[in-house]
């Protein structure tokens, strides 16, 4: 890299470039169904997580906005969890009917879904059978009559209006609670690291810093996934990877913006951090 070309969109990680260049991804692209109840009075409306989860099990049933989704594979996600079901995706289409290698997804446009209530143990057994290709999916042909749905909606006009009004009042109330909680979080975060994380020695290091030292702060809140450096390591601008933060469904690589030697590390793997928290101190080259 240094002798041929030091900067390129495929550097320094060829695998990441190949994935980005070919839109290789996980999540909603893999046959993820979005559904709404036929009866308008059954249509719930909820906000998504803020921030989103970085991991969720496949088969998880969730609500976001007015839609229900069934996560096809393990992936990040931000919908509100309410249950789990059997597999709706087979990557190689090898677990038998109705999956094939040219249609590895279960559900198609205008399919009607019906759930059955089972125990946690029953679900585990059913998922094992489905994974082994031994579960018989209960699929029948039917007709979705749009006129019938329209008549149902028309018959519920008055009830539906009352339902939506009550729903709107409840959502406004929950929104106010969320606003208050965010204010409390912001208030607590002002002194979060100094009061709860930094010990006396670490606070003293911050107070004793001069112009020859630089503090690297977190750009976003998240979880420290990995730390790539140690104290006294040589740090090279735009090349040295300091750590990786997992946040908002993404992995964010923190790369040094200066030359020097690593003076102090504030963080540990799997530690929760907030935007603006100190991560490292670098002693700058003279």
Protein backbone atom coordinates (compact mmCIF):
# COMPACT_ATOMS: atom_id res chain seq x y z
CA UNK A 1 0.00 0.00 0.00
CA UNK A 2 2.76 2.45 0.93
CA UNK A 3 4.92 1.86 -2.18
CA UNK A 4 2.17 1.51 -4.82
CA UNK A 5 -0.67 3.79 -3.71
CA UNK A 6 -1.15 5.07 -0.19
CA UNK A 7 -4.76 6.22 -0.57
CA UNK A 8 -7.59 4.46 -2.39
CA UNK A 9 -11.22 3.57 -1.74
CA UNK A 10 -10.22 -0.11 -1.51
CA UNK A 11 -7.64 0.58 1.22
CA UNK A 12 -6.80 -0.50 3.84
CA UNK A 13 -9.37 -3.33 3.88
CA UNK A 14 -10.07 -5.08 0.57
CA UNK A 15 -12.86 -7.20 2.06
CA UNK A 16 -14.79 -4.14 3.23
CA UNK A 17 -14.36 -2.57 -0.21
CA UNK A 18 -15.69 -5.71 -1.94
CA UNK A 19 -18.71 -5.77 0.39
CA UNK A 20 -19.45 -2.06 -0.05
CA UNK A 21 -18.92 -2.18 -3.81
CA UNK A 22 -21.38 -5.05 -4.22
CA UNK A 23 -23.97 -3.92 -1.66
CA UNK A 24 -23.45 -7.02 0.47
CA UNK A 25 -25.58 -6.52 3.54
CA UNK A 26 -27.80 -8.05 6.18
CA UNK A 27 -31.27 -7.20 7.35
CA UNK A 28 -34.36 -6.03 5.51
CA UNK A 29 -33.10 -6.88 2.03
CA UNK A 30 -33.39 -10.62 2.68
CA UNK A 31 -37.09 -11.16 2.12
CA UNK A 32 -38.16 -9.27 5.24
CA UNK A 33 -41.97 -9.07 5.26
CA UNK A 34 -43.80 -5.92 6.31
CA UNK A 35 -47.45 -6.43 7.18
CA UNK A 36 -50.49 -4.60 8.56
CA UNK A 37 -53.69 -6.09 10.05
CA UNK A 38 -56.67 -6.30 7.70
CA UNK A 39 -58.91 -4.82 10.40
CA UNK A 40 -58.03 -1.10 10.79
CA UNK A 41 -58.86 -1.23 14.52
CA UNK A 42 -56.05 -3.73 14.97
CA UNK A 43 -53.45 -1.44 13.40
CA UNK A 44 -51.10 -0.29 16.12
CA UNK A 45 -48.63 2.56 15.77
CA UNK A 46 -45.36 2.69 17.71
CA UNK A 47 -42.01 4.50 17.35
CA UNK A 48 -38.77 2.70 16.63
CA UNK A 49 -35.89 2.36 19.10
CA UNK A 50 -33.66 5.41 19.47
CA UNK A 51 -30.94 4.39 19.05
CA UNK A 52 -31.53 1.05 17.33
CA UNK A 53 -30.37 -2.29 18.68
CA UNK A 54 -27.19 -3.68 17.17
CA UNK A 55 -28.43 -7.29 17.34
CA UNK A 56 -31.73 -9.16 17.11
CA UNK A 57 -32.58 -12.84 16.61
CA UNK A 58 -33.96 -14.13 13.34
CA UNK A 59 -37.68 -14.79 13.43
CA UNK A 60 -38.27 -11.87 15.79
CA UNK A 61 -41.68 -10.24 15.31
CA UNK A 62 -41.65 -6.48 15.77
CA UNK A 63 -43.70 -3.33 15.32
CA UNK A 64 -42.41 -0.06 13.85
CA UNK A 65 -44.63 2.77 12.72
CA UNK A 66 -47.80 1.06 11.51
CA UNK A 67 -46.05 -2.05 10.26
CA UNK A 68 -45.12 -5.45 11.62
CA UNK A 69 -41.88 -7.03 10.46
CA UNK A 70 -40.43 -10.52 10.83
CA UNK A 71 -36.64 -10.37 10.86
CA UNK A 72 -35.36 -12.95 8.35
CA UNK A 73 -31.86 -13.31 9.85
CA UNK A 74 -29.84 -12.17 12.86
CA UNK A 75 -29.24 -8.47 12.26
CA UNK A 76 -29.47 -4.98 13.74
CA UNK A 77 -32.97 -3.59 14.22
CA UNK A 78 -35.07 -0.93 15.87
CA UNK A 79 -38.66 -2.17 15.85
CA UNK A 80 -40.53 -2.88 19.12
CA UNK A 81 -40.33 -6.58 20.01
CA UNK A 82 -43.49 -8.54 20.73
CA UNK A 83 -42.74 -12.16 19.80
CA UNK A 84 -40.84 -14.68 17.73
CA UNK A 85 -41.80 -17.19 15.06
CA UNK A 86 -40.30 -19.89 12.84
CA UNK A 87 -37.89 -19.27 9.98
CA UNK A 88 -39.01 -17.10 7.05
CA UNK A 89 -35.67 -17.24 5.21
CA UNK A 90 -33.28 -19.97 4.03
CA UNK A 91 -30.04 -18.51 2.69
CA UNK A 92 -29.31 -21.39 0.33
CA UNK A 93 -32.87 -22.66 0.06
CA UNK A 94 -31.80 -26.03 1.40
CA UNK A 95 -34.29 -26.67 4.21
CA UNK A 96 -37.04 -27.88 1.92
CA UNK A 97 -40.51 -26.69 0.93
CA UNK A 98 -41.47 -23.91 0.49
CA UNK A 99 -37.88 -22.61 0.18
CA UNK A 100 -35.83 -23.10 -2.99
CA UNK A 101 -32.43 -21.90 -4.14
CA UNK A 102 -34.14 -19.36 -6.44
CA UNK A 103 -36.72 -18.26 -3.83
CA UNK A 104 -35.15 -18.49 -0.35
CA UNK A 105 -37.89 -16.34 1.24
CA UNK A 106 -41.21 -17.58 2.64
CA UNK A 107 -43.67 -14.73 2.16
CA UNK A 108 -44.77 -12.86 -0.96
CA UNK A 109 -46.85 -9.80 -1.74
CA UNK A 110 -50.48 -10.06 -0.54
CA UNK A 111 -49.88 -13.18 1.54
CA UNK A 112 -52.07 -13.34 4.65
CA UNK A 113 -50.33 -14.33 7.89
CA UNK A 114 -51.98 -15.99 10.87
CA UNK A 115 -50.08 -16.62 14.11
CA UNK A 116 -50.62 -19.40 16.62
CA UNK A 117 -49.78 -18.93 20.30
CA UNK A 118 -47.23 -21.50 21.56
CA UNK A 119 -44.96 -21.84 24.58
CA UNK A 120 -41.29 -20.95 24.46
CA UNK A 121 -40.35 -24.65 24.52
CA UNK A 122 -42.77 -25.44 21.70
CA UNK A 123 -41.30 -22.63 19.61
CA UNK A 124 -37.77 -23.94 20.16
CA UNK A 125 -38.85 -27.40 18.98
CA UNK A 126 -40.68 -25.99 15.95
CA UNK A 127 -37.65 -23.89 14.96
CA UNK A 128 -35.40 -26.96 15.21
CA UNK A 129 -37.76 -28.89 12.95
CA UNK A 130 -37.90 -26.02 10.46
CA UNK A 131 -34.11 -25.65 10.43
CA UNK A 132 -33.78 -29.38 9.72
CA UNK A 133 -36.35 -29.18 6.90
CA UNK A 134 -38.85 -31.36 8.77
CA UNK A 135 -41.50 -28.77 9.60
CA UNK A 136 -44.62 -28.65 7.43
CA UNK A 137 -45.50 -25.01 6.84
CA UNK A 138 -49.28 -24.58 6.85
CA UNK A 139 -49.90 -22.90 3.50
CA UNK A 140 -53.30 -22.74 1.78
CA UNK A 141 -54.62 -20.90 -1.28
CA UNK A 142 -57.12 -18.10 -0.68
CA UNK A 143 -58.46 -14.97 -2.32
CA UNK A 144 -57.78 -11.49 -0.96
CA UNK A 145 -60.88 -9.50 -1.89
CA UNK A 146 -60.15 -5.79 -1.84
CA UNK A 147 -63.86 -4.95 -1.98
CA UNK A 148 -64.46 -6.92 1.22
CA UNK A 149 -61.68 -5.02 2.95
CA UNK A 150 -63.11 -1.70 1.76
CA UNK A 151 -66.55 -2.64 3.08
CA UNK A 152 -65.03 -3.58 6.44
CA UNK A 153 -63.28 -0.24 6.67
CA UNK A 154 -66.45 1.67 5.73
CA UNK A 155 -68.45 -0.18 8.39
CA UNK A 156 -65.96 0.89 11.05
CA UNK A 157 -65.81 4.59 10.19
CA UNK A 158 -67.25 5.91 13.46
CA UNK A 159 -65.55 3.37 15.70
CA UNK A 160 -62.29 3.86 13.84
CA UNK A 161 -62.39 7.63 14.32
CA UNK A 162 -62.90 7.22 18.07
CA UNK A 163 -60.11 4.63 18.21
CA UNK A 164 -57.64 6.88 16.39
CA UNK A 165 -58.49 9.83 18.64
CA UNK A 166 -57.75 7.79 21.75
CA UNK A 167 -54.62 6.43 20.10
CA UNK A 168 -53.44 9.96 19.30
CA UNK A 169 -53.94 11.12 22.91
CA UNK A 170 -52.00 8.13 24.25
CA UNK A 171 -49.16 8.67 21.78
CA UNK A 172 -48.88 12.34 22.75
CA UNK A 173 -48.63 11.30 26.40
CA UNK A 174 -45.87 8.78 25.66
CA UNK A 175 -44.06 11.36 23.55
CA UNK A 176 -43.96 13.76 26.50
CA UNK A 177 -42.53 11.01 28.70
CA UNK A 178 -39.82 10.38 26.09
CA UNK A 179 -38.96 14.08 25.91
CA UNK A 180 -38.60 14.22 29.70
CA UNK A 181 -36.41 11.10 29.76
CA UNK A 182 -34.14 12.55 27.06
CA UNK A 183 -33.76 15.72 29.13
CA UNK A 184 -32.76 13.63 32.16
CA UNK A 185 -30.23 11.69 30.07
CA UNK A 186 -28.72 14.92 28.72
CA UNK A 187 -28.52 16.36 32.23
CA UNK A 188 -26.79 13.28 33.62
CA UNK A 189 -24.40 13.02 30.69
CA UNK A 190 -22.91 16.46 31.33
CA UNK A 191 -20.77 14.98 34.13
CA UNK A 192 -21.11 11.31 33.25
CA UNK A 193 -17.48 10.41 32.74
CA UNK A 194 -16.03 12.54 35.50
CA UNK A 195 -18.50 11.46 38.19
CA UNK A 196 -19.01 7.80 37.34
CA UNK A 197 -16.16 6.52 35.18
CA UNK A 198 -12.95 8.49 35.66
CA UNK A 199 -11.04 7.69 38.82
CA UNK A 200 -8.90 10.26 40.62
CA UNK A 201 -5.77 9.31 38.69
CA UNK A 202 -7.52 9.69 35.34
CA UNK A 203 -9.03 13.04 36.28
CA UNK A 204 -5.59 14.25 37.32
CA UNK A 205 -4.16 13.22 33.94
CA UNK A 206 -6.75 15.41 32.22
CA UNK A 207 -5.96 18.38 34.46
CA UNK A 208 -2.19 18.07 33.91
CA UNK A 209 -2.32 17.99 30.10
CA UNK A 210 -0.41 20.62 28.13
CA UNK A 211 -0.36 21.60 24.45
CA UNK A 212 1.83 18.59 23.66
CA UNK A 213 -1.06 16.22 24.37
CA UNK A 214 -4.31 15.67 22.50
CA UNK A 215 -7.50 14.05 23.79
CA UNK A 216 -9.46 11.87 21.36
CA UNK A 217 -13.18 12.14 22.11
CA UNK A 218 -16.06 9.87 21.07
CA UNK A 219 -18.02 11.28 18.14
CA UNK A 220 -21.12 9.22 18.99
CA UNK A 221 -22.46 7.13 21.82
CA UNK A 222 -22.28 3.37 21.61
CA UNK A 223 -20.36 0.32 22.77
CA UNK A 224 -16.59 -0.12 22.54
CA UNK A 225 -16.31 -3.19 20.33
CA UNK A 226 -12.51 -3.41 20.22
CA UNK A 227 -9.35 -1.47 21.10
CA UNK A 228 -6.48 -1.76 18.63
CA UNK A 229 -3.67 0.04 20.48
CA UNK A 230 -1.72 -0.06 23.74
CA UNK A 231 0.01 2.56 25.85
CA UNK A 232 3.28 3.84 24.31
CA UNK A 233 2.31 2.60 20.82
CA UNK A 234 3.47 4.81 17.95
CA UNK A 235 0.49 6.62 16.43
CA UNK A 236 0.44 7.61 12.74
CA UNK A 237 -2.00 10.17 11.40
CA UNK A 238 -4.78 8.75 9.17
CA UNK A 239 -3.36 5.24 9.51
CA UNK A 240 -3.47 4.05 13.12
CA UNK A 241 -6.82 2.51 14.07
CA UNK A 242 -7.46 3.33 17.73
CA UNK A 243 -10.74 1.53 18.40
CA UNK A 244 -14.07 0.45 16.93
CA UNK A 245 -17.40 1.73 18.26
CA UNK A 246 -20.64 -0.14 17.61
CA UNK A 247 -23.53 2.29 17.31
CA UNK A 248 -26.77 2.74 15.38
CA UNK A 249 -26.41 -0.57 13.52
CA UNK A 250 -22.91 0.32 12.32
CA UNK A 251 -19.27 -0.22 13.25
CA UNK A 252 -17.43 3.10 13.45
CA UNK A 253 -13.64 2.96 13.19
CA UNK A 254 -11.79 5.68 15.11
CA UNK A 255 -8.57 6.58 13.27
CA UNK A 256 -5.95 8.94 14.66
CA UNK A 257 -5.84 12.46 13.21
CA UNK A 258 -2.36 13.18 14.58
CA UNK A 259 1.14 11.72 14.96
CA UNK A 260 2.54 10.79 18.33
CA UNK A 261 2.68 8.17 21.05
CA UNK A 262 -0.31 6.76 22.94
CA UNK A 263 -0.23 8.27 26.42
CA UNK A 264 -3.41 6.95 28.08
CA UNK A 265 -6.48 4.75 27.37
CA UNK A 266 -9.75 5.58 29.14
CA UNK A 267 -11.94 2.81 27.77
CA UNK A 268 -12.35 -0.95 27.89
CA UNK A 269 -13.99 -3.41 25.45
CA UNK A 270 -17.79 -3.71 25.82
CA UNK A 271 -17.96 -0.41 27.71
CA UNK A 272 -20.90 1.91 27.06
CA UNK A 273 -19.84 5.43 26.08
CA UNK A 274 -21.57 8.69 25.24
CA UNK A 275 -20.80 11.30 22.61
CA UNK A 276 -18.07 13.59 23.89
CA UNK A 277 -16.52 11.08 26.27
CA UNK A 278 -12.68 10.94 26.29
CA UNK A 279 -11.27 7.79 24.70
CA UNK A 280 -7.50 8.28 24.44
CA UNK A 281 -4.72 10.77 25.14
CA UNK A 282 -1.96 11.04 22.54
CA UNK A 283 1.39 12.70 23.24
CA UNK A 284 2.13 14.63 20.07
CA UNK A 285 5.38 14.40 18.13
CA UNK A 286 7.49 17.53 18.49
